Amino acid sequence: MDLVSYWKDNFAPYLRALFGRSERGAALVEYALLVALIAVVCIAAISLLGTSAKEKFSKVGSQIAGT
């Protein structure tokens, strides 16, 4: 038996099973990136809209208190 056929018969299936079709880590990374992106968008929206929302709530509150 030569070395190439021995490799194909014994070690190649083991390596394919070890490093092959496991995508659990890839899915975890994708979910982590998605959560990070959502957090960045939420922080940006709050920082951009926070001042105008504060002014609107203050205006509405003062009108309610005045009437």
PDB file of N, CA and C in Angstrom:
ATOM      1  N   MET A   1       0.855  -1.167   0.000  1.00  0.00           N
ATOM      2  CA  MET A   1       0.000   0.000   0.000  1.00  0.00           C
ATOM      3  C   MET A   1       0.907   1.237   0.000  1.00  0.00           C
ATOM      4  N   ASP A   2       0.604   2.166  -0.890  1.00  0.00           N
ATOM      5  CA  ASP A   2       1.432   3.366  -0.952  1.00  0.00           C
ATOM      6  C   ASP A   2       0.918   4.422   0.031  1.00  0.00           C
ATOM      7  N   LEU A   3       1.678   5.451   0.197  1.00  0.00           N
ATOM      8  CA  LEU A   3       1.405   6.465   1.203  1.00  0.00           C
ATOM      9  C   LEU A   3       0.145   7.282   0.880  1.00  0.00           C
ATOM     10  N   VAL A   4      -0.096   7.574  -0.391  1.00  0.00           N
ATOM     11  CA  VAL A   4      -1.248   8.393  -0.779  1.00  0.00           C
ATOM     12  C   VAL A   4      -2.554   7.650  -0.505  1.00  0.00           C
ATOM     13  N   SER A   5      -2.641   6.412  -0.871  1.00  0.00           N
ATOM     14  CA  SER A   5      -3.881   5.666  -0.625  1.00  0.00           C
ATOM     15  C   SER A   5      -4.084   5.427   0.866  1.00  0.00           C
ATOM     16  N   TYR A   6      -3.001   5.243   1.611  1.00  0.00           N
ATOM     17  CA  TYR A   6      -3.110   5.094   3.061  1.00  0.00           C
ATOM     18  C   TYR A   6      -3.662   6.381   3.681  1.00  0.00           C
ATOM     19  N   TRP A   7      -3.182   7.529   3.203  1.00  0.00           N
ATOM     20  CA  TRP A   7      -3.671   8.827   3.678  1.00  0.00           C
ATOM     21  C   TRP A   7      -5.158   8.988   3.377  1.00  0.00           C
ATOM     22  N   LYS A   8      -5.549   8.682   2.155  1.00  0.00           N
ATOM     23  CA  LYS A   8      -6.954   8.826   1.745  1.00  0.00           C
ATOM     24  C   LYS A   8      -7.872   7.909   2.533  1.00  0.00           C
ATOM     25  N   ASP A   9      -7.410   6.728   2.839  1.00  0.00           N
ATOM     26  CA  ASP A   9      -8.258   5.760   3.527  1.00  0.00           C
ATOM     27  C   ASP A   9      -8.359   6.018   5.031  1.00  0.00           C
ATOM     28  N   ASN A  10      -7.312   6.532   5.637  1.00  0.00           N
ATOM     29  CA  ASN A  10      -7.285   6.627   7.097  1.00  0.00           C
ATOM     30  C   ASN A  10      -7.382   8.048   7.656  1.00  0.00           C
ATOM     31  N   PHE A  11      -6.610   8.970   7.132  1.00  0.00           N
ATOM     32  CA  PHE A  11      -6.539  10.292   7.732  1.00  0.00           C
ATOM     33  C   PHE A  11      -7.487  11.315   7.107  1.00  0.00           C
ATOM     34  N   ALA A  12      -7.738  11.238   5.837  1.00  0.00           N
ATOM     35  CA  ALA A  12      -8.597  12.217   5.178  1.00  0.00           C
ATOM     36  C   ALA A  12     -10.032  12.201   5.725  1.00  0.00           C
ATOM     37  N   PRO A  13     -10.657  11.056   5.931  1.00  0.00           N
ATOM     38  CA  PRO A  13     -12.008  11.074   6.520  1.00  0.00           C
ATOM     39  C   PRO A  13     -12.034  11.649   7.939  1.00  0.00           C
ATOM     40  N   TYR A  14     -10.993  11.370   8.689  1.00  0.00           N
ATOM     41  CA  TYR A  14     -10.908  11.912  10.049  1.00  0.00           C
ATOM     42  C   TYR A  14     -10.826  13.435  10.018  1.00  0.00           C
ATOM     43  N   LEU A  15      -9.995  13.980   9.151  1.00  0.00           N
ATOM     44  CA  LEU A  15      -9.860  15.425   9.055  1.00  0.00           C
ATOM     45  C   LEU A  15     -11.137  16.078   8.535  1.00  0.00           C
ATOM     46  N   ARG A  16     -11.810  15.431   7.594  1.00  0.00           N
ATOM     47  CA  ARG A  16     -13.077  15.965   7.090  1.00  0.00           C
ATOM     48  C   ARG A  16     -14.136  15.988   8.189  1.00  0.00           C
ATOM     49  N   ALA A  17     -14.173  14.956   8.991  1.00  0.00           N
ATOM     50  CA  ALA A  17     -15.147  14.901  10.087  1.00  0.00           C
ATOM     51  C   ALA A  17     -14.800  15.915  11.180  1.00  0.00           C
ATOM     52  N   LEU A  18     -13.514  16.122  11.393  1.00  0.00           N
ATOM     53  CA  LEU A  18     -13.077  17.034  12.443  1.00  0.00           C
ATOM     54  C   LEU A  18     -13.308  18.491  12.068  1.00  0.00           C
ATOM     55  N   PHE A  19     -12.951  18.870  10.852  1.00  0.00           N
ATOM     56  CA  PHE A  19     -13.032  20.270  10.448  1.00  0.00           C
ATOM     57  C   PHE A  19     -14.122  20.540   9.429  1.00  0.00           C
ATOM     58  N   GLY A  20     -14.920  19.570   9.126  1.00  0.00           N
ATOM     59  CA  GLY A  20     -15.847  19.666   8.015  1.00  0.00           C
ATOM     60  C   GLY A  20     -17.056  20.527   8.226  1.00  0.00           C
ATOM     61  N   ARG A  21     -18.178  19.942   8.430  1.00  0.00           N
ATOM     62  CA  ARG A  21     -19.465  20.614   8.319  1.00  0.00           C
ATOM     63  C   ARG A  21     -19.961  21.261   9.596  1.00  0.00           C
ATOM     64  N   SER A  22     -19.104  21.530  10.506  1.00  0.00           N
ATOM     65  CA  SER A  22     -19.528  22.178  11.751  1.00  0.00           C
ATOM     66  C   SER A  22     -19.602  23.684  11.541  1.00  0.00           C
ATOM     67  N   GLU A  23     -20.805  24.254  11.640  1.00  0.00           N
ATOM     68  CA  GLU A  23     -20.981  25.685  11.437  1.00  0.00           C
ATOM     69  C   GLU A  23     -21.525  26.363  12.686  1.00  0.00           C
ATOM     70  N   ARG A  24     -21.400  25.721  13.826  1.00  0.00           N
ATOM     71  CA  ARG A  24     -21.912  26.321  15.055  1.00  0.00           C
ATOM     72  C   ARG A  24     -21.170  27.592  15.403  1.00  0.00           C
ATOM     73  N   GLY A  25     -19.858  27.595  15.255  1.00  0.00           N
ATOM     74  CA  GLY A  25     -19.070  28.790  15.549  1.00  0.00           C
ATOM     75  C   GLY A  25     -19.388  29.925  14.606  1.00  0.00           C
ATOM     76  N   ALA A  26     -19.605  29.612  13.335  1.00  0.00           N
ATOM     77  CA  ALA A  26     -19.930  30.642  12.353  1.00  0.00           C
ATOM     78  C   ALA A  26     -21.279  31.274  12.666  1.00  0.00           C
ATOM     79  N   ALA A  27     -22.244  30.494  13.062  1.00  0.00           N
ATOM     80  CA  ALA A  27     -23.556  31.033  13.399  1.00  0.00           C
ATOM     81  C   ALA A  27     -23.464  31.921  14.641  1.00  0.00           C
ATOM     82  N   LEU A  28     -22.665  31.521  15.606  1.00  0.00           N
ATOM     83  CA  LEU A  28     -22.493  32.319  16.810  1.00  0.00           C
ATOM     84  C   LEU A  28     -21.869  33.665  16.490  1.00  0.00           C
ATOM     85  N   VAL A  29     -20.884  33.681  15.606  1.00  0.00           N
ATOM     86  CA  VAL A  29     -20.249  34.930  15.202  1.00  0.00           C
ATOM     87  C   VAL A  29     -21.242  35.816  14.468  1.00  0.00           C
ATOM     88  N   GLU A  30     -22.055  35.233  13.617  1.00  0.00           N
ATOM     89  CA  GLU A  30     -23.057  36.015  12.887  1.00  0.00           C
ATOM     90  C   GLU A  30     -24.063  36.645  13.842  1.00  0.00           C
ATOM     91  N   TYR A  31     -24.531  35.898  14.829  1.00  0.00           N
ATOM     92  CA  TYR A  31     -25.466  36.441  15.805  1.00  0.00           C
ATOM     93  C   TYR A  31     -24.818  37.550  16.638  1.00  0.00           C
ATOM     94  N   ALA A  32     -23.570  37.368  17.011  1.00  0.00           N
ATOM     95  CA  ALA A  32     -22.865  38.393  17.786  1.00  0.00           C
ATOM     96  C   ALA A  32     -22.706  39.674  16.973  1.00  0.00           C
ATOM     97  N   LEU A  33     -22.385  39.548  15.703  1.00  0.00           N
ATOM     98  CA  LEU A  33     -22.274  40.736  14.850  1.00  0.00           C
ATOM     99  C   LEU A  33     -23.620  41.418  14.676  1.00  0.00           C
ATOM    100  N   LEU A  34     -24.672  40.642  14.561  1.00  0.00           N
ATOM    101  CA  LEU A  34     -26.009  41.207  14.420  1.00  0.00           C
ATOM    102  C   LEU A  34     -26.418  41.974  15.676  1.00  0.00           C
ATOM    103  N   VAL A  35     -26.156  41.416  16.840  1.00  0.00           N
ATOM    104  CA  VAL A  35     -26.483  42.093  18.097  1.00  0.00           C
ATOM    105  C   VAL A  35     -25.655  43.367  18.250  1.00  0.00           C
ATOM    106  N   ALA A  36     -24.382  43.309  17.874  1.00  0.00           N
ATOM    107  CA  ALA A  36     -23.534  44.499  17.954  1.00  0.00           C
ATOM    108  C   ALA A  36     -24.020  45.591  17.007  1.00  0.00           C
ATOM    109  N   LEU A  37     -24.435  45.225  15.816  1.00  0.00           N
ATOM    110  CA  LEU A  37     -24.949  46.205  14.857  1.00  0.00           C
ATOM    111  C   LEU A  37     -26.242  46.844  15.357  1.00  0.00           C
ATOM    112  N   ILE A  38     -27.129  46.047  15.926  1.00  0.00           N
ATOM    113  CA  ILE A  38     -28.378  46.591  16.481  1.00  0.00           C
ATOM    114  C   ILE A  38     -28.069  47.547  17.630  1.00  0.00           C
ATOM    115  N   ALA A  39     -27.105  47.205  18.468  1.00  0.00           N
ATOM    116  CA  ALA A  39     -26.738  48.081  19.580  1.00  0.00           C
ATOM    117  C   ALA A  39     -26.174  49.397  19.075  1.00  0.00           C
ATOM    118  N   VAL A  40     -25.343  49.360  18.058  1.00  0.00           N
ATOM    119  CA  VAL A  40     -24.771  50.591  17.498  1.00  0.00           C
ATOM    120  C   VAL A  40     -25.863  51.470  16.906  1.00  0.00           C
ATOM    121  N   VAL A  41     -26.808  50.870  16.191  1.00  0.00           N
ATOM    122  CA  VAL A  41     -27.910  51.639  15.604  1.00  0.00           C
ATOM    123  C   VAL A  41     -28.770  52.262  16.704  1.00  0.00           C
ATOM    124  N   CYS A  42     -29.052  51.516  17.761  1.00  0.00           N
ATOM    125  CA  CYS A  42     -29.857  52.059  18.864  1.00  0.00           C
ATOM    126  C   CYS A  42     -29.138  53.217  19.559  1.00  0.00           C
ATOM    127  N   ILE A  43     -27.860  53.075  19.804  1.00  0.00           N
ATOM    128  CA  ILE A  43     -27.100  54.146  20.452  1.00  0.00           C
ATOM    129  C   ILE A  43     -27.059  55.381  19.564  1.00  0.00           C
ATOM    130  N   ALA A  44     -26.861  55.190  18.267  1.00  0.00           N
ATOM    131  CA  ALA A  44     -26.841  56.330  17.349  1.00  0.00           C
ATOM    132  C   ALA A  44     -28.203  57.019  17.295  1.00  0.00           C
ATOM    133  N   ALA A  45     -29.273  56.251  17.269  1.00  0.00           N
ATOM    134  CA  ALA A  45     -30.613  56.840  17.214  1.00  0.00           C
ATOM    135  C   ALA A  45     -30.926  57.601  18.492  1.00  0.00           C
ATOM    136  N   ILE A  46     -30.555  57.056  19.625  1.00  0.00           N
ATOM    137  CA  ILE A  46     -30.822  57.736  20.894  1.00  0.00           C
ATOM    138  C   ILE A  46     -30.010  59.020  20.997  1.00  0.00           C
ATOM    139  N   SER A  47     -28.762  58.977  20.566  1.00  0.00           N
ATOM    140  CA  SER A  47     -27.940  60.186  20.664  1.00  0.00           C
ATOM    141  C   SER A  47     -28.391  61.255  19.678  1.00  0.00           C
ATOM    142  N   LEU A  48     -28.875  60.865  18.504  1.00  0.00           N
ATOM    143  CA  LEU A  48     -29.340  61.855  17.526  1.00  0.00           C
ATOM    144  C   LEU A  48     -30.711  62.409  17.860  1.00  0.00           C
ATOM    145  N   LEU A  49     -31.600  61.568  18.341  1.00  0.00           N
ATOM    146  CA  LEU A  49     -32.969  61.982  18.605  1.00  0.00           C
ATOM    147  C   LEU A  49     -33.223  62.363  20.057  1.00  0.00           C
ATOM    148  N   GLY A  50     -32.246  62.166  20.910  1.00  0.00           N
ATOM    149  CA  GLY A  50     -32.446  62.408  22.336  1.00  0.00           C
ATOM    150  C   GLY A  50     -32.760  63.844  22.663  1.00  0.00           C
ATOM    151  N   THR A  51     -32.044  64.790  22.072  1.00  0.00           N
ATOM    152  CA  THR A  51     -32.255  66.206  22.383  1.00  0.00           C
ATOM    153  C   THR A  51     -33.615  66.682  21.903  1.00  0.00           C
ATOM    154  N   SER A  52     -33.980  66.320  20.676  1.00  0.00           N
ATOM    155  CA  SER A  52     -35.279  66.769  20.162  1.00  0.00           C
ATOM    156  C   SER A  52     -36.432  66.104  20.916  1.00  0.00           C
ATOM    157  N   ALA A  53     -36.272  64.869  21.303  1.00  0.00           N
ATOM    158  CA  ALA A  53     -37.320  64.199  22.077  1.00  0.00           C
ATOM    159  C   ALA A  53     -37.464  64.839  23.456  1.00  0.00           C
ATOM    160  N   LYS A  54     -36.351  65.230  24.054  1.00  0.00           N
ATOM    161  CA  LYS A  54     -36.397  65.887  25.362  1.00  0.00           C
ATOM    162  C   LYS A  54     -37.141  67.212  25.265  1.00  0.00           C
ATOM    163  N   GLU A  55     -36.872  67.956  24.217  1.00  0.00           N
ATOM    164  CA  GLU A  55     -37.554  69.236  24.029  1.00  0.00           C
ATOM    165  C   GLU A  55     -39.056  69.043  23.817  1.00  0.00           C
ATOM    166  N   LYS A  56     -39.438  68.039  23.031  1.00  0.00           N
ATOM    167  CA  LYS A  56     -40.863  67.765  22.790  1.00  0.00           C
ATOM    168  C   LYS A  56     -41.574  67.369  24.087  1.00  0.00           C
ATOM    169  N   PHE A  57     -40.949  66.477  24.866  1.00  0.00           N
ATOM    170  CA  PHE A  57     -41.566  66.053  26.121  1.00  0.00           C
ATOM    171  C   PHE A  57     -41.683  67.224  27.098  1.00  0.00           C
ATOM    172  N   SER A  58     -40.681  68.092  27.132  1.00  0.00           N
ATOM    173  CA  SER A  58     -40.745  69.258  28.014  1.00  0.00           C
ATOM    174  C   SER A  58     -41.868  70.193  27.597  1.00  0.00           C
ATOM    175  N   LYS A  59     -42.028  70.403  26.295  1.00  0.00           N
ATOM    176  CA  LYS A  59     -43.084  71.278  25.783  1.00  0.00           C
ATOM    177  C   LYS A  59     -44.473  70.720  26.114  1.00  0.00           C
ATOM    178  N   VAL A  60     -44.644  69.413  25.872  1.00  0.00           N
ATOM    179  CA  VAL A  60     -45.929  68.779  26.171  1.00  0.00           C
ATOM    180  C   VAL A  60     -46.199  68.807  27.671  1.00  0.00           C
ATOM    181  N   GLY A  61     -45.198  68.556  28.468  1.00  0.00           N
ATOM    182  CA  GLY A  61     -45.361  68.561  29.918  1.00  0.00           C
ATOM    183  C   GLY A  61     -45.738  69.935  30.453  1.00  0.00           C
ATOM    184  N   SER A  62     -45.110  70.965  29.905  1.00  0.00           N
ATOM    185  CA  SER A  62     -45.438  72.313  30.373  1.00  0.00           C
ATOM    186  C   SER A  62     -46.846  72.720  29.931  1.00  0.00           C
ATOM    187  N   GLN A  63     -47.266  72.267  28.759  1.00  0.00           N
ATOM    188  CA  GLN A  63     -48.636  72.568  28.314  1.00  0.00           C
ATOM    189  C   GLN A  63     -49.660  71.834  29.167  1.00  0.00           C
ATOM    190  N   ILE A  64     -49.389  70.618  29.560  1.00  0.00           N
ATOM    191  CA  ILE A  64     -50.313  69.864  30.411  1.00  0.00           C
ATOM    192  C   ILE A  64     -50.385  70.498  31.791  1.00  0.00           C
ATOM    193  N   ALA A  65     -49.246  70.908  32.319  1.00  0.00           N
ATOM    194  CA  ALA A  65     -49.214  71.513  33.636  1.00  0.00           C
ATOM    195  C   ALA A  65     -49.875  72.890  33.649  1.00  0.00           C
ATOM    196  N   GLY A  66     -49.827  73.598  32.524  1.00  0.00           N
ATOM    197  CA  GLY A  66     -50.409  74.922  32.448  1.00  0.00           C
ATOM    198  C   GLY A  66     -51.903  74.925  32.288  1.00  0.00           C
ATOM    199  N   THR A  67     -52.492  73.847  31.803  1.00  0.00           N
ATOM    200  CA  THR A  67     -53.936  73.843  31.571  1.00  0.00           C
ATOM    201  C   THR A  67     -54.698  73.098  32.612  1.00  0.00           C
TER     202      THR A  67
END
